[in-house]
C-alpha atoms as a PDB file:
ATOM      1  CA  UNK A   1     -94.949  16.496 -43.575  1.00  0.00           C
ATOM      2  CA  UNK A   2     -98.473  17.823 -44.584  1.00  0.00           C
ATOM      3  CA  UNK A   3    -100.204  16.630 -41.543  1.00  0.00           C
ATOM      4  CA  UNK A   4     -97.772  18.020 -38.933  1.00  0.00           C
ATOM      5  CA  UNK A   5     -98.926  21.795 -40.589  1.00  0.00           C
ATOM      6  CA  UNK A   6    -102.295  20.881 -41.373  1.00  0.00           C
ATOM      7  CA  UNK A   7    -103.089  19.414 -37.673  1.00  0.00           C
ATOM      8  CA  UNK A   8    -101.099  22.324 -35.670  1.00  0.00           C
ATOM      9  CA  UNK A   9    -103.609  24.725 -37.763  1.00  0.00           C
ATOM     10  CA  UNK A  10    -106.775  22.801 -36.534  1.00  0.00           C
ATOM     11  CA  UNK A  11    -105.176  22.086 -33.109  1.00  0.00           C
ATOM     12  CA  UNK A  12    -105.435  26.166 -32.808  1.00  0.00           C
ATOM     13  CA  UNK A  13    -109.281  26.148 -33.492  1.00  0.00           C
ATOM     14  CA  UNK A  14    -109.945  23.255 -30.905  1.00  0.00           C
ATOM     15  CA  UNK A  15    -111.245  21.300 -33.659  1.00  0.00           C
ATOM     16  CA  UNK A  16    -110.501  17.887 -34.388  1.00  0.00           C
ATOM     17  CA  UNK A  17    -110.366  16.915 -38.062  1.00  0.00           C
ATOM     18  CA  UNK A  18    -110.588  13.292 -38.989  1.00  0.00           C
ATOM     19  CA  UNK A  19    -109.088  13.527 -42.120  1.00  0.00           C
ATOM     20  CA  UNK A  20    -105.771  14.989 -41.072  1.00  0.00           C
ATOM     21  CA  UNK A  21    -104.589  11.447 -39.766  1.00  0.00           C
ATOM     22  CA  UNK A  22    -105.709   9.318 -42.379  1.00  0.00           C
ATOM     23  CA  UNK A  23    -103.478   8.078 -44.894  1.00  0.00           C
ATOM     24  CA  UNK A  24    -104.770   8.531 -48.213  1.00  0.00           C
ATOM     25  CA  UNK A  25    -105.159   5.535 -50.541  1.00  0.00           C
ATOM     26  CA  UNK A  26    -101.686   4.064 -52.465  1.00  0.00           C
ATOM     27  CA  UNK A  27     -99.814   6.493 -50.763  1.00  0.00           C
ATOM     28  CA  UNK A  28     -96.072   5.886 -49.898  1.00  0.00           C
ATOM     29  CA  UNK A  29     -96.061   5.960 -45.833  1.00  0.00           C
ATOM     30  CA  UNK A  30     -92.712   6.910 -43.807  1.00  0.00           C
ATOM     31  CA  UNK A  31     -93.571   7.233 -40.132  1.00  0.00           C
ATOM     32  CA  UNK A  32     -90.610   8.981 -39.361  1.00  0.00           C
ATOM     33  CA  UNK A  33     -92.470  11.833 -40.996  1.00  0.00           C
ATOM     34  CA  UNK A  34     -95.531  10.913 -39.177  1.00  0.00           C
ATOM     35  CA  UNK A  35     -95.681  12.582 -35.500  1.00  0.00           C
ATOM     36  CA  UNK A  36     -96.133  10.764 -32.250  1.00  0.00           C
ATOM     37  CA  UNK A  37     -97.151  13.964 -30.532  1.00  0.00           C
ATOM     38  CA  UNK A  38     -98.650  17.136 -31.377  1.00  0.00           C
ATOM     39  CA  UNK A  39    -100.075  19.879 -29.631  1.00  0.00           C
ATOM     40  CA  UNK A  40    -103.019  19.190 -27.299  1.00  0.00           C
ATOM     41  CA  UNK A  41    -106.692  19.635 -28.092  1.00  0.00           C
ATOM     42  CA  UNK A  42    -107.421  20.671 -24.461  1.00  0.00           C
ATOM     43  CA  UNK A  43    -105.847  22.996 -22.232  1.00  0.00           C
ATOM     44  CA  UNK A  44    -106.652  21.383 -18.876  1.00  0.00           C
ATOM     45  CA  UNK A  45    -107.397  17.891 -17.654  1.00  0.00           C
ATOM     46  CA  UNK A  46    -110.666  19.261 -16.853  1.00  0.00           C
ATOM     47  CA  UNK A  47    -111.378  20.525 -20.559  1.00  0.00           C
ATOM     48  CA  UNK A  48    -110.230  16.930 -21.628  1.00  0.00           C
ATOM     49  CA  UNK A  49    -112.627  14.976 -19.720  1.00  0.00           C
ATOM     50  CA  UNK A  50    -115.287  17.651 -20.670  1.00  0.00           C
ATOM     51  CA  UNK A  51    -115.080  17.045 -24.314  1.00  0.00           C
ATOM     52  CA  UNK A  52    -114.277  13.322 -23.867  1.00  0.00           C
ATOM     53  CA  UNK A  53    -117.642  12.820 -22.127  1.00  0.00           C
ATOM     54  CA  UNK A  54    -119.064  14.604 -25.236  1.00  0.00           C
ATOM     55  CA  UNK A  55    -117.902  12.233 -27.430  1.00  0.00           C
ATOM     56  CA  UNK A  56    -118.578   9.540 -25.703  1.00  0.00           C
ATOM     57  CA  UNK A  57    -122.054  10.842 -25.263  1.00  0.00           C
ATOM     58  CA  UNK A  58    -122.398  11.220 -28.844  1.00  0.00           C
ATOM     59  CA  UNK A  59    -121.256   7.592 -29.131  1.00  0.00           C
ATOM     60  CA  UNK A  60    -123.512   6.163 -27.173  1.00  0.00           C
ATOM     61  CA  UNK A  61    -126.561   8.039 -28.999  1.00  0.00           C
ATOM     62  CA  UNK A  62    -125.001   6.876 -32.701  1.00  0.00           C
ATOM     63  CA  UNK A  63    -124.630   3.518 -31.227  1.00  0.00           C
ATOM     64  CA  UNK A  64    -128.411   3.137 -29.971  1.00  0.00           C
ATOM     65  CA  UNK A  65    -129.613   4.431 -33.383  1.00  0.00           C
ATOM     66  CA  UNK A  66    -127.056   2.160 -35.096  1.00  0.00           C
ATOM     67  CA  UNK A  67    -128.766  -0.813 -33.179  1.00  0.00           C
ATOM     68  CA  UNK A  68    -132.207   0.138 -33.756  1.00  0.00           C
ATOM     69  CA  UNK A  69    -131.496   0.546 -37.847  1.00  0.00           C
ATOM     70  CA  UNK A  70    -129.990  -2.628 -38.138  1.00  0.00           C
ATOM     71  CA  UNK A  71    -128.627  -1.855 -41.365  1.00  0.00           C
ATOM     72  CA  UNK A  72    -124.806  -1.515 -41.102  1.00  0.00           C
ATOM     73  CA  UNK A  73    -122.332  -3.378 -39.142  1.00  0.00           C
ATOM     74  CA  UNK A  74    -119.034  -1.332 -37.987  1.00  0.00           C
ATOM     75  CA  UNK A  75    -115.651  -3.056 -37.720  1.00  0.00           C
ATOM     76  CA  UNK A  76    -112.903  -1.012 -35.590  1.00  0.00           C
ATOM     77  CA  UNK A  77    -109.762  -2.232 -35.925  1.00  0.00           C
ATOM     78  CA  UNK A  78    -106.899  -1.011 -33.361  1.00  0.00           C
ATOM     79  CA  UNK A  79    -103.399  -1.532 -34.097  1.00  0.00           C
ATOM     80  CA  UNK A  80     -99.901  -0.504 -32.572  1.00  0.00           C
ATOM     81  CA  UNK A  81     -96.778  -1.594 -30.696  1.00  0.00           C
ATOM     82  CA  UNK A  82     -96.618  -2.947 -26.821  1.00  0.00           C
ATOM     83  CA  UNK A  83     -98.025  -0.203 -24.905  1.00  0.00           C
ATOM     84  CA  UNK A  84     -99.364   1.876 -27.229  1.00  0.00           C
ATOM     85  CA  UNK A  85    -102.626   2.136 -25.251  1.00  0.00           C
ATOM     86  CA  UNK A  86    -105.025   0.321 -27.104  1.00  0.00           C
ATOM     87  CA  UNK A  87    -106.588  -1.531 -24.261  1.00  0.00           C
ATOM     88  CA  UNK A  88    -106.982   1.913 -22.686  1.00  0.00           C
ATOM     89  CA  UNK A  89    -108.437   3.660 -25.686  1.00  0.00           C
ATOM     90  CA  UNK A  90    -111.173   1.188 -26.123  1.00  0.00           C
ATOM     91  CA  UNK A  91    -112.115   1.573 -22.132  1.00  0.00           C
ATOM     92  CA  UNK A  92    -112.472   5.066 -22.532  1.00  0.00           C
ATOM     93  CA  UNK A  93    -113.675   5.935 -25.652  1.00  0.00           C
ATOM     94  CA  UNK A  94    -116.086   3.053 -25.552  1.00  0.00           C
ATOM     95  CA  UNK A  95    -117.157   3.409 -21.845  1.00  0.00           C
ATOM     96  CA  UNK A  96    -120.588   4.634 -23.178  1.00  0.00           C
ATOM     97  CA  UNK A  97    -121.545   2.236 -25.479  1.00  0.00           C
ATOM     98  CA  UNK A  98    -124.576  -0.298 -24.490  1.00  0.00           C
ATOM     99  CA  UNK A  99    -122.222  -3.703 -24.444  1.00  0.00           C
ATOM    100  CA  UNK A 100    -125.636  -5.509 -26.096  1.00  0.00           C
ATOM    101  CA  UNK A 101    -124.600  -3.678 -29.405  1.00  0.00           C
ATOM    102  CA  UNK A 102    -120.696  -4.176 -28.895  1.00  0.00           C
ATOM    103  CA  UNK A 103    -118.268  -6.566 -28.660  1.00  0.00           C
ATOM    104  CA  UNK A 104    -114.118  -6.767 -28.259  1.00  0.00           C
ATOM    105  CA  UNK A 105    -112.418  -9.467 -29.915  1.00  0.00           C
ATOM    106  CA  UNK A 106    -108.398  -9.770 -28.778  1.00  0.00           C
ATOM    107  CA  UNK A 107    -106.433 -11.559 -30.954  1.00  0.00           C
ATOM    108  CA  UNK A 108    -103.680 -13.724 -29.377  1.00  0.00           C
ATOM    109  CA  UNK A 109    -101.564 -16.596 -31.062  1.00  0.00           C
ATOM    110  CA  UNK A 110    -103.690 -18.870 -33.376  1.00  0.00           C
ATOM    111  CA  UNK A 111    -104.752 -21.951 -31.780  1.00  0.00           C
ATOM    112  CA  UNK A 112    -104.165 -25.569 -33.335  1.00  0.00           C
ATOM    113  CA  UNK A 113    -107.666 -25.446 -35.217  1.00  0.00           C
ATOM    114  CA  UNK A 114    -107.277 -21.765 -36.436  1.00  0.00           C
ATOM    115  CA  UNK A 115    -103.800 -23.061 -37.967  1.00  0.00           C
ATOM    116  CA  UNK A 116    -105.628 -25.233 -39.598  1.00  0.00           C
ATOM    117  CA  UNK A 117    -107.190 -22.572 -41.697  1.00  0.00           C
ATOM    118  CA  UNK A 118    -106.728 -19.697 -43.998  1.00  0.00           C
ATOM    119  CA  UNK A 119    -105.305 -16.912 -42.230  1.00  0.00           C
ATOM    120  CA  UNK A 120    -108.275 -14.683 -42.311  1.00  0.00           C
ATOM    121  CA  UNK A 121    -110.316 -17.398 -40.835  1.00  0.00           C
ATOM    122  CA  UNK A 122    -110.417 -16.868 -37.556  1.00  0.00           C
ATOM    123  CA  UNK A 123    -111.165 -13.198 -37.492  1.00  0.00           C
ATOM    124  CA  UNK A 124    -113.576 -13.646 -39.894  1.00  0.00           C
ATOM    125  CA  UNK A 125    -115.625 -15.953 -37.635  1.00  0.00           C
ATOM    126  CA  UNK A 126    -115.979 -12.828 -35.159  1.00  0.00           C
ATOM    127  CA  UNK A 127    -117.079 -10.155 -37.221  1.00  0.00           C
ATOM    128  CA  UNK A 128    -119.789  -7.952 -36.006  1.00  0.00           C
ATOM    129  CA  UNK A 129    -123.554  -8.686 -37.160  1.00  0.00           C
ATOM    130  CA  UNK A 130    -125.634  -5.691 -38.730  1.00  0.00           C
ATOM    131  CA  UNK A 131    -126.834  -3.130 -36.007  1.00  0.00           C
ATOM    132  CA  UNK A 132    -123.653  -4.001 -34.052  1.00  0.00           C
ATOM    133  CA  UNK A 133    -119.740  -2.801 -33.293  1.00  0.00           C
ATOM    134  CA  UNK A 134    -117.216  -5.154 -33.375  1.00  0.00           C
ATOM    135  CA  UNK A 135    -113.801  -3.860 -31.988  1.00  0.00           C
ATOM    136  CA  UNK A 136    -110.359  -5.864 -32.832  1.00  0.00           C
ATOM    137  CA  UNK A 137    -107.697  -5.397 -30.673  1.00  0.00           C
ATOM    138  CA  UNK A 138    -105.314  -6.495 -32.870  1.00  0.00           C
ATOM    139  CA  UNK A 139    -106.717  -8.358 -36.006  1.00  0.00           C
ATOM    140  CA  UNK A 140    -105.824 -10.011 -39.490  1.00  0.00           C
ATOM    141  CA  UNK A 141    -103.042  -7.180 -39.926  1.00  0.00           C
ATOM    142  CA  UNK A 142    -100.852  -9.169 -37.434  1.00  0.00           C
ATOM    143  CA  UNK A 143    -100.682 -12.028 -40.711  1.00  0.00           C
ATOM    144  CA  UNK A 144     -98.755  -9.126 -42.321  1.00  0.00           C
ATOM    145  CA  UNK A 145     -96.935  -7.331 -39.260  1.00  0.00           C
ATOM    146  CA  UNK A 146     -95.764  -9.673 -36.752  1.00  0.00           C
ATOM    147  CA  UNK A 147     -95.599 -12.885 -39.241  1.00  0.00           C
ATOM    148  CA  UNK A 148     -93.436 -10.499 -41.690  1.00  0.00           C
ATOM    149  CA  UNK A 149     -91.144  -9.888 -39.062  1.00  0.00           C
ATOM    150  CA  UNK A 150     -90.872 -13.287 -37.771  1.00  0.00           C
ATOM    151  CA  UNK A 151     -91.003 -15.651 -41.176  1.00  0.00           C
ATOM    152  CA  UNK A 152     -90.786 -18.497 -39.013  1.00  0.00           C
ATOM    153  CA  UNK A 153     -93.906 -18.194 -38.056  1.00  0.00           C
ATOM    154  CA  UNK A 154     -95.223 -18.308 -41.453  1.00  0.00           C
ATOM    155  CA  UNK A 155     -92.824 -21.629 -42.001  1.00  0.00           C
ATOM    156  CA  UNK A 156     -95.307 -23.306 -39.138  1.00  0.00           C
ATOM    157  CA  UNK A 157     -98.213 -22.151 -40.755  1.00  0.00           C
ATOM    158  CA  UNK A 158     -99.071 -25.154 -42.777  1.00  0.00           C
ATOM    159  CA  UNK A 159     -98.810 -23.875 -46.190  1.00  0.00           C
ATOM    160  CA  UNK A 160     -97.821 -25.773 -49.310  1.00  0.00           C
ATOM    161  CA  UNK A 161     -93.792 -24.908 -49.803  1.00  0.00           C
ATOM    162  CA  UNK A 162     -94.530 -23.179 -53.130  1.00  0.00           C
ATOM    163  CA  UNK A 163     -96.846 -20.862 -51.528  1.00  0.00           C
ATOM    164  CA  UNK A 164     -94.402 -19.572 -48.701  1.00  0.00           C
ATOM    165  CA  UNK A 165     -92.501 -17.440 -51.372  1.00  0.00           C
ATOM    166  CA  UNK A 166     -91.881 -14.609 -49.152  1.00  0.00           C
ATOM    167  CA  UNK A 167     -91.231 -12.278 -52.116  1.00  0.00           C
ATOM    168  CA  UNK A 168     -94.943 -12.847 -52.904  1.00  0.00           C
ATOM    169  CA  UNK A 169     -96.863 -13.912 -50.129  1.00  0.00           C
ATOM    170  CA  UNK A 170     -97.136 -10.581 -48.633  1.00  0.00           C
ATOM    171  CA  UNK A 171     -98.340  -9.007 -51.476  1.00  0.00           C
ATOM    172  CA  UNK A 172    -100.897 -11.625 -51.847  1.00  0.00           C
ATOM    173  CA  UNK A 173    -101.988 -11.360 -48.229  1.00  0.00           C
ATOM    174  CA  UNK A 174    -102.436  -7.408 -48.739  1.00  0.00           C
ATOM    175  CA  UNK A 175    -104.725  -8.218 -51.779  1.00  0.00           C
ATOM    176  CA  UNK A 176    -106.695 -10.630 -50.102  1.00  0.00           C
ATOM    177  CA  UNK A 177    -107.135  -8.431 -46.984  1.00  0.00           C
ATOM    178  CA  UNK A 178    -108.340  -5.111 -49.700  1.00  0.00           C
ATOM    179  CA  UNK A 179    -110.521  -8.151 -51.372  1.00  0.00           C
ATOM    180  CA  UNK A 180    -112.266  -8.884 -47.983  1.00  0.00           C
ATOM    181  CA  UNK A 181    -112.621  -5.364 -46.854  1.00  0.00           C
ATOM    182  CA  UNK A 182    -114.221  -4.572 -50.175  1.00  0.00           C
ATOM    183  CA  UNK A 183    -116.561  -7.249 -49.656  1.00  0.00           C
ATOM    184  CA  UNK A 184    -117.249  -5.863 -46.226  1.00  0.00           C
ATOM    185  CA  UNK A 185    -118.190  -2.746 -47.459  1.00  0.00           C
ATOM    186  CA  UNK A 186    -120.634  -4.018 -50.216  1.00  0.00           C
ATOM    187  CA  UNK A 187    -122.442  -5.876 -47.778  1.00  0.00           C
ATOM    188  CA  UNK A 188    -122.941  -2.923 -45.060  1.00  0.00           C
ATOM    189  CA  UNK A 189    -120.263  -3.640 -43.163  1.00  0.00           C
ATOM    190  CA  UNK A 190    -117.811  -0.589 -42.617  1.00  0.00           C
ATOM    191  CA  UNK A 191    -114.060  -0.967 -41.246  1.00  0.00           C
ATOM    192  CA  UNK A 192    -112.273   1.839 -39.607  1.00  0.00           C
ATOM    193  CA  UNK A 193    -108.481   0.795 -38.754  1.00  0.00           C
ATOM    194  CA  UNK A 194    -106.505   2.609 -36.054  1.00  0.00           C
ATOM    195  CA  UNK A 195    -102.949   2.524 -35.814  1.00  0.00           C
ATOM    196  CA  UNK A 196    -101.553   4.392 -32.203  1.00  0.00           C
ATOM    197  CA  UNK A 197     -98.365   5.702 -33.304  1.00  0.00           C
ATOM    198  CA  UNK A 198     -95.823   5.522 -30.430  1.00  0.00           C
ATOM    199  CA  UNK A 199     -92.301   6.439 -30.402  1.00  0.00           C
ATOM    200  CA  UNK A 200     -89.476   4.074 -29.376  1.00  0.00           C
ATOM    201  CA  UNK A 201     -88.758   6.653 -26.435  1.00  0.00           C
ATOM    202  CA  UNK A 202     -92.355   6.536 -24.958  1.00  0.00           C
ATOM    203  CA  UNK A 203     -92.239   2.619 -25.127  1.00  0.00           C
ATOM    204  CA  UNK A 204     -89.225   2.705 -23.045  1.00  0.00           C
ATOM    205  CA  UNK A 205     -91.157   4.839 -20.726  1.00  0.00           C
ATOM    206  CA  UNK A 206     -94.020   3.105 -20.483  1.00  0.00           C
ATOM    207  CA  UNK A 207     -92.279  -0.188 -20.086  1.00  0.00           C
ATOM    208  CA  UNK A 208     -90.336   1.064 -17.288  1.00  0.00           C
ATOM    209  CA  UNK A 209     -93.783   2.537 -15.265  1.00  0.00           C
ATOM    210  CA  UNK A 210     -95.193  -1.184 -15.473  1.00  0.00           C
ATOM    211  CA  UNK A 211     -92.059  -2.305 -13.849  1.00  0.00           C
ATOM    212  CA  UNK A 212     -92.109   0.161 -11.256  1.00  0.00           C
ATOM    213  CA  UNK A 213     -95.823   0.116 -10.268  1.00  0.00           C
ATOM    214  CA  UNK A 214     -97.030  -3.132  -8.800  1.00  0.00           C
ATOM    215  CA  UNK A 215    -100.226  -3.163  -9.900  1.00  0.00           C
ATOM    216  CA  UNK A 216     -98.968  -3.047 -13.625  1.00  0.00           C
ATOM    217  CA  UNK A 217     -96.430  -5.572 -13.432  1.00  0.00           C
ATOM    218  CA  UNK A 218     -98.868  -8.466 -14.846  1.00  0.00           C
ATOM    219  CA  UNK A 219     -98.809  -6.165 -18.454  1.00  0.00           C
ATOM    220  CA  UNK A 220     -95.283  -6.823 -18.878  1.00  0.00           C
ATOM    221  CA  UNK A 221     -93.121  -9.879 -20.055  1.00  0.00           C
ATOM    222  CA  UNK A 222     -89.910 -10.535 -21.464  1.00  0.00           C
ATOM    223  CA  UNK A 223     -91.503 -11.214 -24.681  1.00  0.00           C
ATOM    224  CA  UNK A 224     -92.080  -7.240 -24.907  1.00  0.00           C
ATOM    225  CA  UNK A 225     -88.370  -6.460 -24.832  1.00  0.00           C
ATOM    226  CA  UNK A 226     -87.761  -9.034 -27.341  1.00  0.00           C
ATOM    227  CA  UNK A 227     -90.094  -7.526 -29.654  1.00  0.00           C
ATOM    228  CA  UNK A 228     -88.712  -3.999 -29.166  1.00  0.00           C
ATOM    229  CA  UNK A 229     -85.404  -5.286 -30.717  1.00  0.00           C
ATOM    230  CA  UNK A 230     -87.072  -5.387 -33.830  1.00  0.00           C
ATOM    231  CA  UNK A 231     -88.833  -2.098 -33.765  1.00  0.00           C
ATOM    232  CA  UNK A 232     -87.375  -0.944 -37.407  1.00  0.00           C
ATOM    233  CA  UNK A 233     -88.516  -4.066 -39.058  1.00  0.00           C
ATOM    234  CA  UNK A 234     -92.226  -3.494 -37.462  1.00  0.00           C
ATOM    235  CA  UNK A 235     -92.005   0.067 -38.439  1.00  0.00           C
ATOM    236  CA  UNK A 236     -91.336  -0.711 -42.225  1.00  0.00           C
ATOM    237  CA  UNK A 237     -93.685  -3.495 -42.159  1.00  0.00           C
ATOM    238  CA  UNK A 238     -96.532  -1.085 -40.954  1.00  0.00           C
ATOM    239  CA  UNK A 239     -95.404   1.552 -43.781  1.00  0.00           C
ATOM    240  CA  UNK A 240     -95.939  -1.223 -46.428  1.00  0.00           C
ATOM    241  CA  UNK A 241     -99.140  -2.672 -44.937  1.00  0.00           C
ATOM    242  CA  UNK A 242    -100.721   1.178 -44.773  1.00  0.00           C
ATOM    243  CA  UNK A 243     -99.883   1.862 -48.305  1.00  0.00           C
ATOM    244  CA  UNK A 244    -101.414  -1.533 -50.022  1.00  0.00           C
ATOM    245  CA  UNK A 245    -104.318  -1.394 -47.590  1.00  0.00           C
ATOM    246  CA  UNK A 246    -105.588   1.985 -46.777  1.00  0.00           C
ATOM    247  CA  UNK A 247    -108.678   2.471 -49.025  1.00  0.00           C
ATOM    248  CA  UNK A 248    -111.527   4.887 -49.330  1.00  0.00           C
ATOM    249  CA  UNK A 249    -113.970   2.189 -48.057  1.00  0.00           C
ATOM    250  CA  UNK A 250    -111.649   0.884 -45.485  1.00  0.00           C
ATOM    251  CA  UNK A 251    -109.198   3.821 -44.413  1.00  0.00           C
ATOM    252  CA  UNK A 252    -106.054   3.700 -41.831  1.00  0.00           C
ATOM    253  CA  UNK A 253    -105.733   6.300 -39.419  1.00  0.00           C
ATOM    254  CA  UNK A 254    -102.139   7.085 -37.875  1.00  0.00           C
ATOM    255  CA  UNK A 255    -103.009   8.667 -34.255  1.00  0.00           C
ATOM    256  CA  UNK A 256    -100.141  10.283 -32.215  1.00  0.00           C
ATOM    257  CA  UNK A 257    -100.041   8.055 -29.054  1.00  0.00           C
ATOM    258  CA  UNK A 258     -97.211   9.563 -27.041  1.00  0.00           C
ATOM    259  CA  UNK A 259    -100.193  11.621 -25.347  1.00  0.00           C
ATOM    260  CA  UNK A 260    -103.120   9.352 -24.366  1.00  0.00           C
ATOM    261  CA  UNK A 261    -105.392  11.963 -23.536  1.00  0.00           C
ATOM    262  CA  UNK A 262    -104.920  13.405 -26.525  1.00  0.00           C
ATOM    263  CA  UNK A 263    -105.063  10.065 -28.471  1.00  0.00           C
ATOM    264  CA  UNK A 264    -108.040   9.348 -27.043  1.00  0.00           C
ATOM    265  CA  UNK A 265    -109.942  12.638 -28.632  1.00  0.00           C
ATOM    266  CA  UNK A 266    -108.388  12.259 -31.950  1.00  0.00           C
ATOM    267  CA  UNK A 267    -109.542   8.268 -31.638  1.00  0.00           C
ATOM    268  CA  UNK A 268    -113.182   9.345 -30.523  1.00  0.00           C
ATOM    269  CA  UNK A 269    -113.706  11.848 -33.390  1.00  0.00           C
ATOM    270  CA  UNK A 270    -112.421   9.362 -35.634  1.00  0.00           C
ATOM    271  CA  UNK A 271    -115.542   6.949 -34.485  1.00  0.00           C
ATOM    272  CA  UNK A 272    -118.200   9.671 -34.337  1.00  0.00           C
ATOM    273  CA  UNK A 273    -117.205  10.849 -37.954  1.00  0.00           C
ATOM    274  CA  UNK A 274    -117.467   7.334 -39.148  1.00  0.00           C
ATOM    275  CA  UNK A 275    -120.776   6.725 -37.632  1.00  0.00           C
ATOM    276  CA  UNK A 276    -122.517  10.023 -38.744  1.00  0.00           C
ATOM    277  CA  UNK A 277    -121.632   9.157 -42.213  1.00  0.00           C
ATOM    278  CA  UNK A 278    -124.023   6.073 -41.999  1.00  0.00           C
ATOM    279  CA  UNK A 279    -127.368   6.136 -43.701  1.00  0.00           C
ATOM    280  CA  UNK A 280    -129.143   5.333 -40.639  1.00  0.00           C
ATOM    281  CA  UNK A 281    -132.569   5.806 -39.216  1.00  0.00           C
ATOM    282  CA  UNK A 282    -134.797   4.585 -36.498  1.00  0.00           C
ATOM    283  CA  UNK A 283    -137.781   2.000 -37.937  1.00  0.00           C
ATOM    284  CA  UNK A 284    -140.683   3.714 -39.367  1.00  0.00           C
ATOM    285  CA  UNK A 285    -143.988   2.837 -37.811  1.00  0.00           C
ATOM    286  CA  UNK A 286    -146.664   1.601 -39.968  1.00  0.00           C
ATOM    287  CA  UNK A 287    -150.449   2.191 -40.026  1.00  0.00           C
ATOM    288  CA  UNK A 288    -151.220  -1.061 -38.733  1.00  0.00           C
ATOM    289  CA  UNK A 289    -148.268  -1.185 -36.225  1.00  0.00           C
ATOM    290  CA  UNK A 290    -149.863   2.073 -34.770  1.00  0.00           C
ATOM    291  CA  UNK A 291    -153.248   0.702 -34.639  1.00  0.00           C
ATOM    292  CA  UNK A 292    -151.881  -2.433 -32.717  1.00  0.00           C
ATOM    293  CA  UNK A 293    -150.101  -0.045 -30.196  1.00  0.00           C
ATOM    294  CA  UNK A 294    -153.365   2.168 -29.680  1.00  0.00           C
ATOM    295  CA  UNK A 295    -154.852  -1.272 -28.700  1.00  0.00           C
ATOM    296  CA  UNK A 296    -152.029  -2.249 -26.340  1.00  0.00           C
ATOM    297  CA  UNK A 297    -152.198   1.467 -25.151  1.00  0.00           C
ATOM    298  CA  UNK A 298    -155.672   1.384 -24.416  1.00  0.00           C
ATOM    299  CA  UNK A 299    -155.425  -2.318 -22.615  1.00  0.00           C
ATOM    300  CA  UNK A 300    -152.708  -1.304 -20.296  1.00  0.00           C
ATOM    301  CA  UNK A 301    -154.842   1.968 -19.398  1.00  0.00           C
ATOM    302  CA  UNK A 302    -157.958  -0.539 -18.617  1.00  0.00           C
ATOM    303  CA  UNK A 303    -155.385  -2.678 -16.615  1.00  0.00           C
ATOM    304  CA  UNK A 304    -154.448   0.115 -13.891  1.00  0.00           C
ATOM    305  CA  UNK A 305    -157.821  -0.182 -12.555  1.00  0.00           C
ATOM    306  CA  UNK A 306    -158.812  -3.922 -13.643  1.00  0.00           C
ATOM    307  CA  UNK A 307    -155.736  -6.320 -13.282  1.00  0.00           C
ATOM    308  CA  UNK A 308    -157.982  -9.115 -14.492  1.00  0.00           C
ATOM    309  CA  UNK A 309    -158.207  -7.443 -18.155  1.00  0.00           C
ATOM    310  CA  UNK A 310    -154.464  -8.744 -18.871  1.00  0.00           C
ATOM    311  CA  UNK A 311    -155.224 -12.461 -17.409  1.00  0.00           C
END
């Protein structure tokens, strides 16, 4: 597949090209042909740590500019199978971002209140404001992934019977998602969607680690094994989802996730590149504002010798 050739070429140059991992709009996707592991971008742990630190530092600077310009919002969506590394990728890559300008939301099973609304409602309520970064750990895409693999969930969502036709509903939901993301784009919210592509064998190894290491036991549950039985169904659901919803204004990126360090470098590069493309600038100071600042500066200068000036 093309991605395997282009990615390997770029690796030799030690350069990460975000576009090598993007899903072209409308392209048919076969995840069996997309790699879950590629040649490492760094030859040592120290080199990896230095490079990630560079990405984190740049993200911190870009986020400060993003917050100050207050013109765009950035929505980052992370999807992947259990143990794909979503939590750790978010934790490592976003470690330098000011919490005041960022919010992480994890979406679990819908509540009774959420089920009384349309399938996009609960996520729309948590969209980021201008100047902020919103991170969805899982998202509204669960409604065309988990719900598709488990149609009994769809039957419990209270939809009118005539709207529960499983031949049409996934196409309709894809259209709703694309329309919403297009609407967000038109109103200044950029959406970046990242799928951490884990292999079946690597998931097995990570599950065993969670069982063997006491401090990781809490991450594992019997439902993880139950979902693993539906692996092929999930891959098919993801393939259809990518083909229908990867667009120019809201692209999907398929990131090889068997090597966590490499995946974090790719993810951080994707986010850095996305933020670089935003037209951001620090607010300009007007002539009137400069006069105000000079007056305040003069007052502060006097206050050093006369505390009573500021009273």
